[in-house]
Amino acid sequence: MKLNGVDIPIKKYSCSLNGGVQTIQDPYVNLYIKITDNCQASCKFCEFRNLENIEFDLKKLVKSIKLLKTKFLINKVSFTGGEPLLKFDELKEAIVHVRKLLPKVEITLNTNGINLNKITDLGKIHYVAMSRHHYDDKANYDIFGSKKVPSFKDIKNFPDTSKLHLRCNLIKGFIDSKETITEYLNRFSKIGVIDFGFVSLMPLNSYCKNKFISYEKTGVNSIPNSRMVRKWTYHECHCKNYIAYTHTGNLVKYYARVNQNHGQCESIVVFDKDKLRVGFSGEIIDV
C-alpha cells in the first residue's frame, strides 16, 4: 500500500500461532517514535553510540500521525531511541499529543531506565519495556558500559513494578543458561516484576555474532515449574511464550525470541526525530 507515493509493506498474515496462519483483514501499522539517537550507555551489541544529535520535531510528528490516520489503523505507538528518557520534556509533550490524536491506542516506552523515577510523571503508559541484561548490578553495568542505569534497588523502589516488562539480551557469559534465567526470574519476581523477555542477539556486529546464543540452547524450555503456552513464527523471527511459578511461589510470564532479520519492516513505520520513514532504515515518506 502506498502513502504519498512510498510503498508501505503490510503484513498479509499475522505471526503464525502454534503453526496456524491467520489472515489480517484490515491494514494497520505499528508506529515507533524515536525521540533521539543519543544514549548514555555504551553497549557493545548496539549501534546507537556516538551518533549525531538531531532535534526532535514535534510539529512534524503531529502531521505524520494525521497523515497515517488517513489510510491506516495505528495499532500501537512505541517511544524509543537511542534513549528517549534523555529528552524527558520532548517525550512528555509528544505523549500528550499522541493521546489527543489516538485516544484508544496502546502506548509503550522502550528505555534502559535512566530517570526511572520520572516515568510516573509521563501519565498513562500501558507498559514500560526496560532493558536489564543481568540480575547482578555489576554484571549489568559491565554490559551497558555505564553505571548510569537503574540498580536492582532502583527497580524495587519503582512505584508500579507490575507495569515493567524487563527485556534481557541473552549473551554468552552472562544470561545464557537455564540456571541464570531461573535466577533472573526469581530475583525480579520477588520485588513484583511479573513480565519478562529473553532475546537472542541480532547479527548487528562482531560482538553480537561472537556472543550469540539461541534461546533454544539455553534450556529455557525446561525452566522448573514452567509451561509453554504459545509459539509464534514469522519469517526469520520465532518466539515462545511461557508461564512459570518461581521458587517463592510468584506467577510470572515471559517470552524467548530470536530474530535474524533486523531489517524486517512489514507494518512498521518510524518517526525518526524529524522524518517519517518505512521501518528503521527504509525510504523516507514526504510529510
C-alpha atoms as a PDB file:
ATOM      1  CA  MET A   1       0.000   0.000   0.000  1.00  0.00           C
ATOM      2  CA  LYS A   2       1.282   3.469  -0.879  1.00  0.00           C
ATOM      3  CA  LEU A   3       1.454   6.573   1.271  1.00  0.00           C
ATOM      4  CA  ASN A   4       2.457   9.765  -0.566  1.00  0.00           C
ATOM      5  CA  GLY A   5       3.997   7.629  -3.290  1.00  0.00           C
ATOM      6  CA  VAL A   6       6.004   5.377  -0.952  1.00  0.00           C
ATOM      7  CA  ASP A   7       5.244   1.662  -0.598  1.00  0.00           C
ATOM      8  CA  ILE A   8       4.400   0.630   2.958  1.00  0.00           C
ATOM      9  CA  PRO A   9       4.947  -3.133   3.327  1.00  0.00           C
ATOM     10  CA  ILE A  10       1.877  -4.521   5.059  1.00  0.00           C
ATOM     11  CA  LYS A  11       1.601  -7.909   6.708  1.00  0.00           C
ATOM     12  CA  LYS A  12      -0.951 -10.038   4.917  1.00  0.00           C
ATOM     13  CA  TYR A  13      -0.723 -12.680   7.597  1.00  0.00           C
ATOM     14  CA  SER A  14      -0.154 -12.282  11.303  1.00  0.00           C
ATOM     15  CA  CYS A  15       2.570 -14.197  13.105  1.00  0.00           C
ATOM     16  CA  SER A  16       1.760 -17.887  12.834  1.00  0.00           C
ATOM     17  CA  LEU A  17       0.322 -19.074  16.156  1.00  0.00           C
ATOM     18  CA  ASN A  18       1.114 -22.690  17.075  1.00  0.00           C
ATOM     19  CA  GLY A  19       1.524 -23.479  13.389  1.00  0.00           C
ATOM     20  CA  GLY A  20      -1.755 -21.869  12.278  1.00  0.00           C
ATOM     21  CA  VAL A  21      -1.828 -18.947   9.844  1.00  0.00           C
ATOM     22  CA  GLN A  22      -4.235 -16.040  10.399  1.00  0.00           C
ATOM     23  CA  THR A  23      -5.139 -13.545   7.687  1.00  0.00           C
ATOM     24  CA  ILE A  24      -5.083  -9.848   8.563  1.00  0.00           C
ATOM     25  CA  GLN A  25      -8.319  -8.253   7.379  1.00  0.00           C
ATOM     26  CA  ASP A  26      -7.575  -4.552   7.878  1.00  0.00           C
ATOM     27  CA  PRO A  27      -4.186  -2.932   7.156  1.00  0.00           C
ATOM     28  CA  TYR A  28      -2.507  -1.480  10.222  1.00  0.00           C
ATOM     29  CA  VAL A  29       0.842  -0.034  11.204  1.00  0.00           C
ATOM     30  CA  ASN A  30       2.787  -0.006  14.432  1.00  0.00           C
ATOM     31  CA  LEU A  31       4.306   3.434  14.904  1.00  0.00           C
ATOM     32  CA  TYR A  32       7.706   3.804  16.556  1.00  0.00           C
ATOM     33  CA  ILE A  33       8.707   7.302  17.629  1.00  0.00           C
ATOM     34  CA  LYS A  34      12.425   7.935  18.025  1.00  0.00           C
ATOM     35  CA  ILE A  35      12.934  10.937  20.279  1.00  0.00           C
ATOM     36  CA  THR A  36      16.730  10.824  19.951  1.00  0.00           C
ATOM     37  CA  ASP A  37      19.586   8.629  18.744  1.00  0.00           C
ATOM     38  CA  ASN A  38      21.706   9.507  21.754  1.00  0.00           C
ATOM     39  CA  CYS A  39      22.197   7.138  24.674  1.00  0.00           C
ATOM     40  CA  GLN A  40      24.167   7.440  27.899  1.00  0.00           C
ATOM     41  CA  ALA A  41      25.175   3.766  27.766  1.00  0.00           C
ATOM     42  CA  SER A  42      27.790   2.097  25.576  1.00  0.00           C
ATOM     43  CA  CYS A  43      26.530  -1.411  24.879  1.00  0.00           C
ATOM     44  CA  LYS A  44      28.775  -3.390  22.541  1.00  0.00           C
ATOM     45  CA  PHE A  45      25.787  -5.033  20.851  1.00  0.00           C
ATOM     46  CA  CYS A  46      24.069  -1.731  19.994  1.00  0.00           C
ATOM     47  CA  GLU A  47      24.545   0.682  17.085  1.00  0.00           C
ATOM     48  CA  PHE A  48      23.262   3.741  18.986  1.00  0.00           C
ATOM     49  CA  ARG A  49      26.579   5.148  20.168  1.00  0.00           C
ATOM     50  CA  ASN A  50      28.234   8.494  19.412  1.00  0.00           C
ATOM     51  CA  LEU A  51      25.567   9.486  16.918  1.00  0.00           C
ATOM     52  CA  GLU A  52      24.696  12.962  15.731  1.00  0.00           C
ATOM     53  CA  ASN A  53      22.062  14.705  17.841  1.00  0.00           C
ATOM     54  CA  ILE A  54      19.164  15.826  15.641  1.00  0.00           C
ATOM     55  CA  GLU A  55      16.429  17.919  17.256  1.00  0.00           C
ATOM     56  CA  PHE A  56      13.048  16.272  17.672  1.00  0.00           C
ATOM     57  CA  ASP A  57      10.340  17.900  15.517  1.00  0.00           C
ATOM     58  CA  LEU A  58       7.001  17.726  17.380  1.00  0.00           C
ATOM     59  CA  LYS A  59       5.019  19.597  14.713  1.00  0.00           C
ATOM     60  CA  LYS A  60       6.151  17.147  12.065  1.00  0.00           C
ATOM     61  CA  LEU A  61       5.233  14.229  14.317  1.00  0.00           C
ATOM     62  CA  VAL A  62       1.674  15.567  14.587  1.00  0.00           C
ATOM     63  CA  LYS A  63       1.473  15.970  10.794  1.00  0.00           C
ATOM     64  CA  SER A  64       2.817  12.428  10.332  1.00  0.00           C
ATOM     65  CA  ILE A  65       0.207  10.869  12.626  1.00  0.00           C
ATOM     66  CA  LYS A  66      -2.598  12.754  10.872  1.00  0.00           C
ATOM     67  CA  LEU A  67      -1.280  11.531   7.508  1.00  0.00           C
ATOM     68  CA  LEU A  68      -1.045   7.920   8.678  1.00  0.00           C
ATOM     69  CA  LYS A  69      -4.591   8.042  10.036  1.00  0.00           C
ATOM     70  CA  THR A  70      -5.936   8.783   6.541  1.00  0.00           C
ATOM     71  CA  LYS A  71      -5.001   5.260   5.376  1.00  0.00           C
ATOM     72  CA  PHE A  72      -4.134   3.034   8.292  1.00  0.00           C
ATOM     73  CA  LEU A  73      -5.270   1.877  11.657  1.00  0.00           C
ATOM     74  CA  ILE A  74      -2.429   2.689  14.062  1.00  0.00           C
ATOM     75  CA  ASN A  75      -2.261  -0.401  16.230  1.00  0.00           C
ATOM     76  CA  LYS A  76       0.396   0.624  18.762  1.00  0.00           C
ATOM     77  CA  VAL A  77       2.729   3.543  19.458  1.00  0.00           C
ATOM     78  CA  SER A  78       6.143   2.820  20.956  1.00  0.00           C
ATOM     79  CA  PHE A  79       8.526   5.551  22.093  1.00  0.00           C
ATOM     80  CA  THR A  80      12.113   4.539  21.563  1.00  0.00           C
ATOM     81  CA  GLY A  81      15.590   5.782  20.750  1.00  0.00           C
ATOM     82  CA  GLY A  82      18.531   5.872  21.484  1.00  0.00           C
ATOM     83  CA  GLU A  83      17.323   6.574  24.973  1.00  0.00           C
ATOM     84  CA  PRO A  84      14.038   8.554  24.993  1.00  0.00           C
ATOM     85  CA  LEU A  85      14.232   9.485  28.697  1.00  0.00           C
ATOM     86  CA  LEU A  86      17.294  11.624  27.957  1.00  0.00           C
ATOM     87  CA  LYS A  87      14.843  14.007  26.265  1.00  0.00           C
ATOM     88  CA  PHE A  88      12.226  13.942  29.002  1.00  0.00           C
ATOM     89  CA  ASP A  89      10.407  17.220  28.186  1.00  0.00           C
ATOM     90  CA  GLU A  90      10.127  16.380  24.477  1.00  0.00           C
ATOM     91  CA  LEU A  91       8.948  12.867  25.342  1.00  0.00           C
ATOM     92  CA  LYS A  92       6.296  14.129  27.739  1.00  0.00           C
ATOM     93  CA  GLU A  93       4.943  16.635  25.220  1.00  0.00           C
ATOM     94  CA  ALA A  94       4.899  14.048  22.426  1.00  0.00           C
ATOM     95  CA  ILE A  95       2.904  11.617  24.599  1.00  0.00           C
ATOM     96  CA  VAL A  96       0.307  14.325  25.281  1.00  0.00           C
ATOM     97  CA  HIS A  97      -0.191  14.854  21.536  1.00  0.00           C
ATOM     98  CA  VAL A  98      -0.345  11.130  20.781  1.00  0.00           C
ATOM     99  CA  ARG A  99      -3.087  10.699  23.387  1.00  0.00           C
ATOM    100  CA  LYS A 100      -5.102  13.518  21.821  1.00  0.00           C
ATOM    101  CA  LEU A 101      -4.753  12.183  18.289  1.00  0.00           C
ATOM    102  CA  LEU A 102      -5.021   8.481  19.166  1.00  0.00           C
ATOM    103  CA  PRO A 103      -7.021   8.239  22.401  1.00  0.00           C
ATOM    104  CA  LYS A 104      -7.514   4.455  22.262  1.00  0.00           C
ATOM    105  CA  VAL A 105      -4.092   3.330  21.096  1.00  0.00           C
ATOM    106  CA  GLU A 106      -1.680   1.362  23.278  1.00  0.00           C
ATOM    107  CA  ILE A 107       1.361   3.448  24.253  1.00  0.00           C
ATOM    108  CA  THR A 108       4.620   1.841  25.316  1.00  0.00           C
ATOM    109  CA  LEU A 109       8.078   3.104  26.271  1.00  0.00           C
ATOM    110  CA  ASN A 110      11.374   1.395  25.417  1.00  0.00           C
ATOM    111  CA  THR A 111      14.130   2.501  27.796  1.00  0.00           C
ATOM    112  CA  ASN A 112      17.275   1.444  29.617  1.00  0.00           C
ATOM    113  CA  GLY A 113      15.725   3.005  32.713  1.00  0.00           C
ATOM    114  CA  ILE A 114      17.707   6.196  33.202  1.00  0.00           C
ATOM    115  CA  ASN A 115      15.473   8.694  35.034  1.00  0.00           C
ATOM    116  CA  LEU A 116      13.307   5.731  36.039  1.00  0.00           C
ATOM    117  CA  ASN A 117      11.827   7.708  38.936  1.00  0.00           C
ATOM    118  CA  LYS A 118      10.393  10.274  36.477  1.00  0.00           C
ATOM    119  CA  ILE A 119       8.383   7.807  34.368  1.00  0.00           C
ATOM    120  CA  THR A 120       5.277   8.216  36.516  1.00  0.00           C
ATOM    121  CA  ASP A 121       5.251  11.921  35.544  1.00  0.00           C
ATOM    122  CA  LEU A 122       4.575  10.935  31.929  1.00  0.00           C
ATOM    123  CA  GLY A 123       0.993   9.912  32.704  1.00  0.00           C
ATOM    124  CA  LYS A 124      -0.648   6.748  31.430  1.00  0.00           C
ATOM    125  CA  ILE A 125       1.720   4.364  29.651  1.00  0.00           C
ATOM    126  CA  HIS A 126       0.438   0.843  29.129  1.00  0.00           C
ATOM    127  CA  TYR A 127       3.800  -0.743  29.892  1.00  0.00           C
ATOM    128  CA  VAL A 128       7.481   0.129  30.138  1.00  0.00           C
ATOM    129  CA  ALA A 129       9.872  -2.190  28.290  1.00  0.00           C
ATOM    130  CA  MET A 130      13.109  -1.745  30.207  1.00  0.00           C
ATOM    131  CA  SER A 131      16.425  -3.239  29.163  1.00  0.00           C
ATOM    132  CA  ARG A 132      18.013  -5.139  32.039  1.00  0.00           C
ATOM    133  CA  HIS A 133      20.588  -7.699  30.952  1.00  0.00           C
ATOM    134  CA  HIS A 134      21.588  -9.306  34.257  1.00  0.00           C
ATOM    135  CA  TYR A 135      20.183  -9.687  37.765  1.00  0.00           C
ATOM    136  CA  ASP A 136      23.534  -8.667  39.285  1.00  0.00           C
ATOM    137  CA  ASP A 137      24.189  -4.910  39.231  1.00  0.00           C
ATOM    138  CA  LYS A 138      27.913  -5.172  38.483  1.00  0.00           C
ATOM    139  CA  ALA A 139      27.404  -7.554  35.561  1.00  0.00           C
ATOM    140  CA  ASN A 140      24.614  -5.329  34.255  1.00  0.00           C
ATOM    141  CA  TYR A 141      26.863  -2.241  34.435  1.00  0.00           C
ATOM    142  CA  ASP A 142      29.559  -4.143  32.524  1.00  0.00           C
ATOM    143  CA  ILE A 143      27.133  -4.984  29.723  1.00  0.00           C
ATOM    144  CA  PHE A 144      25.854  -1.405  29.482  1.00  0.00           C
ATOM    145  CA  GLY A 145      29.339   0.069  29.751  1.00  0.00           C
ATOM    146  CA  SER A 146      27.860   2.535  32.227  1.00  0.00           C
ATOM    147  CA  LYS A 147      26.649   2.832  35.800  1.00  0.00           C
ATOM    148  CA  LYS A 148      24.018   5.342  34.711  1.00  0.00           C
ATOM    149  CA  VAL A 149      21.294   2.700  34.574  1.00  0.00           C
ATOM    150  CA  PRO A 150      18.970   1.624  37.415  1.00  0.00           C
ATOM    151  CA  SER A 151      20.264  -0.610  40.174  1.00  0.00           C
ATOM    152  CA  PHE A 152      18.275  -3.544  41.497  1.00  0.00           C
ATOM    153  CA  LYS A 153      17.210  -1.298  44.394  1.00  0.00           C
ATOM    154  CA  ASP A 154      16.014   1.405  41.984  1.00  0.00           C
ATOM    155  CA  ILE A 155      13.784  -1.109  40.234  1.00  0.00           C
ATOM    156  CA  LYS A 156      12.495  -2.408  43.566  1.00  0.00           C
ATOM    157  CA  ASN A 157      11.511   1.149  44.538  1.00  0.00           C
ATOM    158  CA  PHE A 158       9.633   1.838  41.285  1.00  0.00           C
ATOM    159  CA  PRO A 159       6.009   2.673  42.246  1.00  0.00           C
ATOM    160  CA  ASP A 160       4.398   0.111  39.941  1.00  0.00           C
ATOM    161  CA  THR A 161       6.696  -2.822  39.173  1.00  0.00           C
ATOM    162  CA  SER A 162       3.764  -4.729  37.641  1.00  0.00           C
ATOM    163  CA  LYS A 163       3.903  -2.232  34.736  1.00  0.00           C
ATOM    164  CA  LEU A 164       7.546  -3.086  33.993  1.00  0.00           C
ATOM    165  CA  HIS A 165       8.498  -5.526  31.269  1.00  0.00           C
ATOM    166  CA  LEU A 166      12.168  -6.436  31.765  1.00  0.00           C
ATOM    167  CA  ARG A 167      13.862  -7.278  28.491  1.00  0.00           C
ATOM    168  CA  CYS A 168      17.087  -9.249  28.796  1.00  0.00           C
ATOM    169  CA  ASN A 169      19.505  -9.939  25.948  1.00  0.00           C
ATOM    170  CA  LEU A 170      20.874 -13.466  26.007  1.00  0.00           C
ATOM    171  CA  ILE A 171      24.664 -13.075  25.973  1.00  0.00           C
ATOM    172  CA  LYS A 172      27.290 -15.808  26.342  1.00  0.00           C
ATOM    173  CA  GLY A 173      28.985 -15.461  29.712  1.00  0.00           C
ATOM    174  CA  PHE A 174      26.067 -13.564  31.262  1.00  0.00           C
ATOM    175  CA  ILE A 175      22.447 -14.742  30.992  1.00  0.00           C
ATOM    176  CA  ASP A 176      22.957 -17.821  28.841  1.00  0.00           C
ATOM    177  CA  SER A 177      21.565 -20.903  30.620  1.00  0.00           C
ATOM    178  CA  LYS A 178      18.536 -22.393  32.321  1.00  0.00           C
ATOM    179  CA  GLU A 179      20.142 -21.663  35.693  1.00  0.00           C
ATOM    180  CA  THR A 180      20.847 -17.974  35.037  1.00  0.00           C
ATOM    181  CA  ILE A 181      17.400 -17.404  33.506  1.00  0.00           C
ATOM    182  CA  THR A 182      15.772 -19.082  36.515  1.00  0.00           C
ATOM    183  CA  GLU A 183      17.755 -16.901  38.921  1.00  0.00           C
ATOM    184  CA  TYR A 184      16.786 -13.802  36.918  1.00  0.00           C
ATOM    185  CA  LEU A 185      13.094 -14.685  37.195  1.00  0.00           C
ATOM    186  CA  ASN A 186      13.380 -15.499  40.900  1.00  0.00           C
ATOM    187  CA  ARG A 187      15.124 -12.288  41.894  1.00  0.00           C
ATOM    188  CA  PHE A 188      12.919  -9.853  39.998  1.00  0.00           C
ATOM    189  CA  SER A 189       9.602 -11.598  40.660  1.00  0.00           C
ATOM    190  CA  LYS A 190      10.386 -11.288  44.354  1.00  0.00           C
ATOM    191  CA  ILE A 191      10.166  -7.469  44.019  1.00  0.00           C
ATOM    192  CA  GLY A 192       6.946  -7.514  41.982  1.00  0.00           C
ATOM    193  CA  VAL A 193       8.064  -7.741  38.345  1.00  0.00           C
ATOM    194  CA  ILE A 194       5.982 -10.373  36.560  1.00  0.00           C
ATOM    195  CA  ASP A 195       6.680  -9.789  32.828  1.00  0.00           C
ATOM    196  CA  PHE A 196       9.960 -10.692  31.086  1.00  0.00           C
ATOM    197  CA  GLY A 197      11.563 -11.222  27.691  1.00  0.00           C
ATOM    198  CA  PHE A 198      14.754 -13.136  26.865  1.00  0.00           C
ATOM    199  CA  VAL A 199      16.059 -12.205  23.432  1.00  0.00           C
ATOM    200  CA  SER A 200      18.894 -13.634  21.343  1.00  0.00           C
ATOM    201  CA  LEU A 201      21.182 -11.008  19.826  1.00  0.00           C
ATOM    202  CA  MET A 202      20.629  -9.847  16.255  1.00  0.00           C
ATOM    203  CA  PRO A 203      23.689 -10.161  13.971  1.00  0.00           C
ATOM    204  CA  LEU A 204      24.483  -6.422  14.006  1.00  0.00           C
ATOM    205  CA  ASN A 205      28.256  -6.633  14.568  1.00  0.00           C
ATOM    206  CA  SER A 206      31.094  -8.987  15.526  1.00  0.00           C
ATOM    207  CA  TYR A 207      30.283  -8.776  19.256  1.00  0.00           C
ATOM    208  CA  CYS A 208      26.710  -9.946  18.589  1.00  0.00           C
ATOM    209  CA  LYS A 209      27.934 -12.820  16.420  1.00  0.00           C
ATOM    210  CA  ASN A 210      30.579 -13.955  18.929  1.00  0.00           C
ATOM    211  CA  LYS A 211      28.272 -13.675  21.946  1.00  0.00           C
ATOM    212  CA  PHE A 212      25.165 -15.080  20.248  1.00  0.00           C
ATOM    213  CA  ILE A 213      23.259 -17.910  21.835  1.00  0.00           C
ATOM    214  CA  SER A 214      19.905 -19.117  20.587  1.00  0.00           C
ATOM    215  CA  TYR A 215      17.281 -19.240  23.316  1.00  0.00           C
ATOM    216  CA  GLU A 216      16.706 -22.889  22.366  1.00  0.00           C
ATOM    217  CA  LYS A 217      20.275 -23.673  23.517  1.00  0.00           C
ATOM    218  CA  THR A 218      19.831 -22.072  26.954  1.00  0.00           C
ATOM    219  CA  GLY A 219      17.418 -24.684  28.281  1.00  0.00           C
ATOM    220  CA  VAL A 220      14.635 -22.120  28.644  1.00  0.00           C
ATOM    221  CA  ASN A 221      12.234 -24.857  27.558  1.00  0.00           C
ATOM    222  CA  SER A 222      12.894 -26.719  30.806  1.00  0.00           C
ATOM    223  CA  ILE A 223      12.745 -23.994  33.457  1.00  0.00           C
ATOM    224  CA  PRO A 224      11.373 -25.579  36.668  1.00  0.00           C
ATOM    225  CA  ASN A 225       7.602 -25.220  37.147  1.00  0.00           C
ATOM    226  CA  SER A 226       7.126 -23.616  33.723  1.00  0.00           C
ATOM    227  CA  ARG A 227       4.851 -24.296  30.806  1.00  0.00           C
ATOM    228  CA  MET A 228       4.918 -23.102  27.203  1.00  0.00           C
ATOM    229  CA  VAL A 229       1.537 -21.638  26.266  1.00  0.00           C
ATOM    230  CA  ARG A 230       2.131 -20.298  22.729  1.00  0.00           C
ATOM    231  CA  LYS A 231       4.705 -20.308  19.965  1.00  0.00           C
ATOM    232  CA  TRP A 232       4.905 -17.779  17.151  1.00  0.00           C
ATOM    233  CA  THR A 233       6.773 -17.727  13.844  1.00  0.00           C
ATOM    234  CA  TYR A 234       7.168 -15.084  11.164  1.00  0.00           C
ATOM    235  CA  HIS A 235       9.868 -15.499   8.524  1.00  0.00           C
ATOM    236  CA  GLU A 236      13.213 -15.450  10.406  1.00  0.00           C
ATOM    237  CA  CYS A 237      11.639 -14.475  13.726  1.00  0.00           C
ATOM    238  CA  HIS A 238      10.276 -17.020  16.157  1.00  0.00           C
ATOM    239  CA  CYS A 239       9.401 -16.926  19.826  1.00  0.00           C
ATOM    240  CA  LYS A 240       7.711 -18.886  22.574  1.00  0.00           C
ATOM    241  CA  ASN A 241       5.561 -17.668  25.453  1.00  0.00           C
ATOM    242  CA  TYR A 242       5.718 -19.245  28.894  1.00  0.00           C
ATOM    243  CA  ILE A 243       4.207 -19.018  32.340  1.00  0.00           C
ATOM    244  CA  ALA A 244       6.019 -20.227  35.450  1.00  0.00           C
ATOM    245  CA  TYR A 245       5.918 -20.330  39.226  1.00  0.00           C
ATOM    246  CA  THR A 246       9.143 -19.127  40.782  1.00  0.00           C
ATOM    247  CA  HIS A 247      10.626 -20.790  43.861  1.00  0.00           C
ATOM    248  CA  THR A 248       8.903 -18.154  46.031  1.00  0.00           C
ATOM    249  CA  GLY A 249       5.515 -19.005  44.508  1.00  0.00           C
ATOM    250  CA  ASN A 250       5.196 -15.955  42.229  1.00  0.00           C
ATOM    251  CA  LEU A 251       3.426 -16.445  38.900  1.00  0.00           C
ATOM    252  CA  VAL A 252       5.340 -14.843  36.016  1.00  0.00           C
ATOM    253  CA  LYS A 253       5.059 -14.682  32.261  1.00  0.00           C
ATOM    254  CA  TYR A 254       7.932 -14.450  29.816  1.00  0.00           C
ATOM    255  CA  TYR A 255       8.873 -14.997  26.213  1.00  0.00           C
ATOM    256  CA  ALA A 256      12.046 -16.169  24.493  1.00  0.00           C
ATOM    257  CA  ARG A 257      12.773 -14.892  20.976  1.00  0.00           C
ATOM    258  CA  VAL A 258      15.273 -14.900  18.155  1.00  0.00           C
ATOM    259  CA  ASN A 259      15.100 -12.702  15.038  1.00  0.00           C
ATOM    260  CA  GLN A 260      17.854 -12.924  12.461  1.00  0.00           C
ATOM    261  CA  ASN A 261      16.488 -10.157  10.206  1.00  0.00           C
ATOM    262  CA  HIS A 262      16.868  -6.707  11.767  1.00  0.00           C
ATOM    263  CA  GLY A 263      15.676  -5.091   8.535  1.00  0.00           C
ATOM    264  CA  GLN A 264      12.205  -6.630   8.694  1.00  0.00           C
ATOM    265  CA  CYS A 265       9.706  -3.772   8.360  1.00  0.00           C
ATOM    266  CA  GLU A 266       6.238  -5.091   7.497  1.00  0.00           C
ATOM    267  CA  SER A 267       3.642  -2.814   9.130  1.00  0.00           C
ATOM    268  CA  ILE A 268       6.378  -0.797  10.878  1.00  0.00           C
ATOM    269  CA  VAL A 269       6.543   2.961  10.365  1.00  0.00           C
ATOM    270  CA  VAL A 270       9.078   5.056  12.245  1.00  0.00           C
ATOM    271  CA  PHE A 271       9.021   8.755  13.033  1.00  0.00           C
ATOM    272  CA  ASP A 272      12.764   9.246  13.171  1.00  0.00           C
ATOM    273  CA  LYS A 273      13.230  12.524  15.118  1.00  0.00           C
ATOM    274  CA  ASP A 274      12.331  14.802  12.203  1.00  0.00           C
ATOM    275  CA  LYS A 275      11.211  12.484   9.396  1.00  0.00           C
ATOM    276  CA  LEU A 276       8.775   9.650   8.729  1.00  0.00           C
ATOM    277  CA  ARG A 277      10.225   6.510   7.205  1.00  0.00           C
ATOM    278  CA  VAL A 278       9.449   2.869   6.384  1.00  0.00           C
ATOM    279  CA  GLY A 279      10.960   0.705   9.109  1.00  0.00           C
ATOM    280  CA  PHE A 280      14.023   1.899  10.993  1.00  0.00           C
ATOM    281  CA  SER A 281      16.210   2.483   7.953  1.00  0.00           C
ATOM    282  CA  GLY A 282      13.907   2.496   4.933  1.00  0.00           C
ATOM    283  CA  GLU A 283      12.594   5.072   2.500  1.00  0.00           C
ATOM    284  CA  ILE A 284      11.567   8.494   3.784  1.00  0.00           C
ATOM    285  CA  ILE A 285       7.895   9.434   3.399  1.00  0.00           C
ATOM    286  CA  ASP A 286       7.216  13.037   2.472  1.00  0.00           C
ATOM    287  CA  VAL A 287       5.031  14.744   5.083  1.00  0.00           C
END
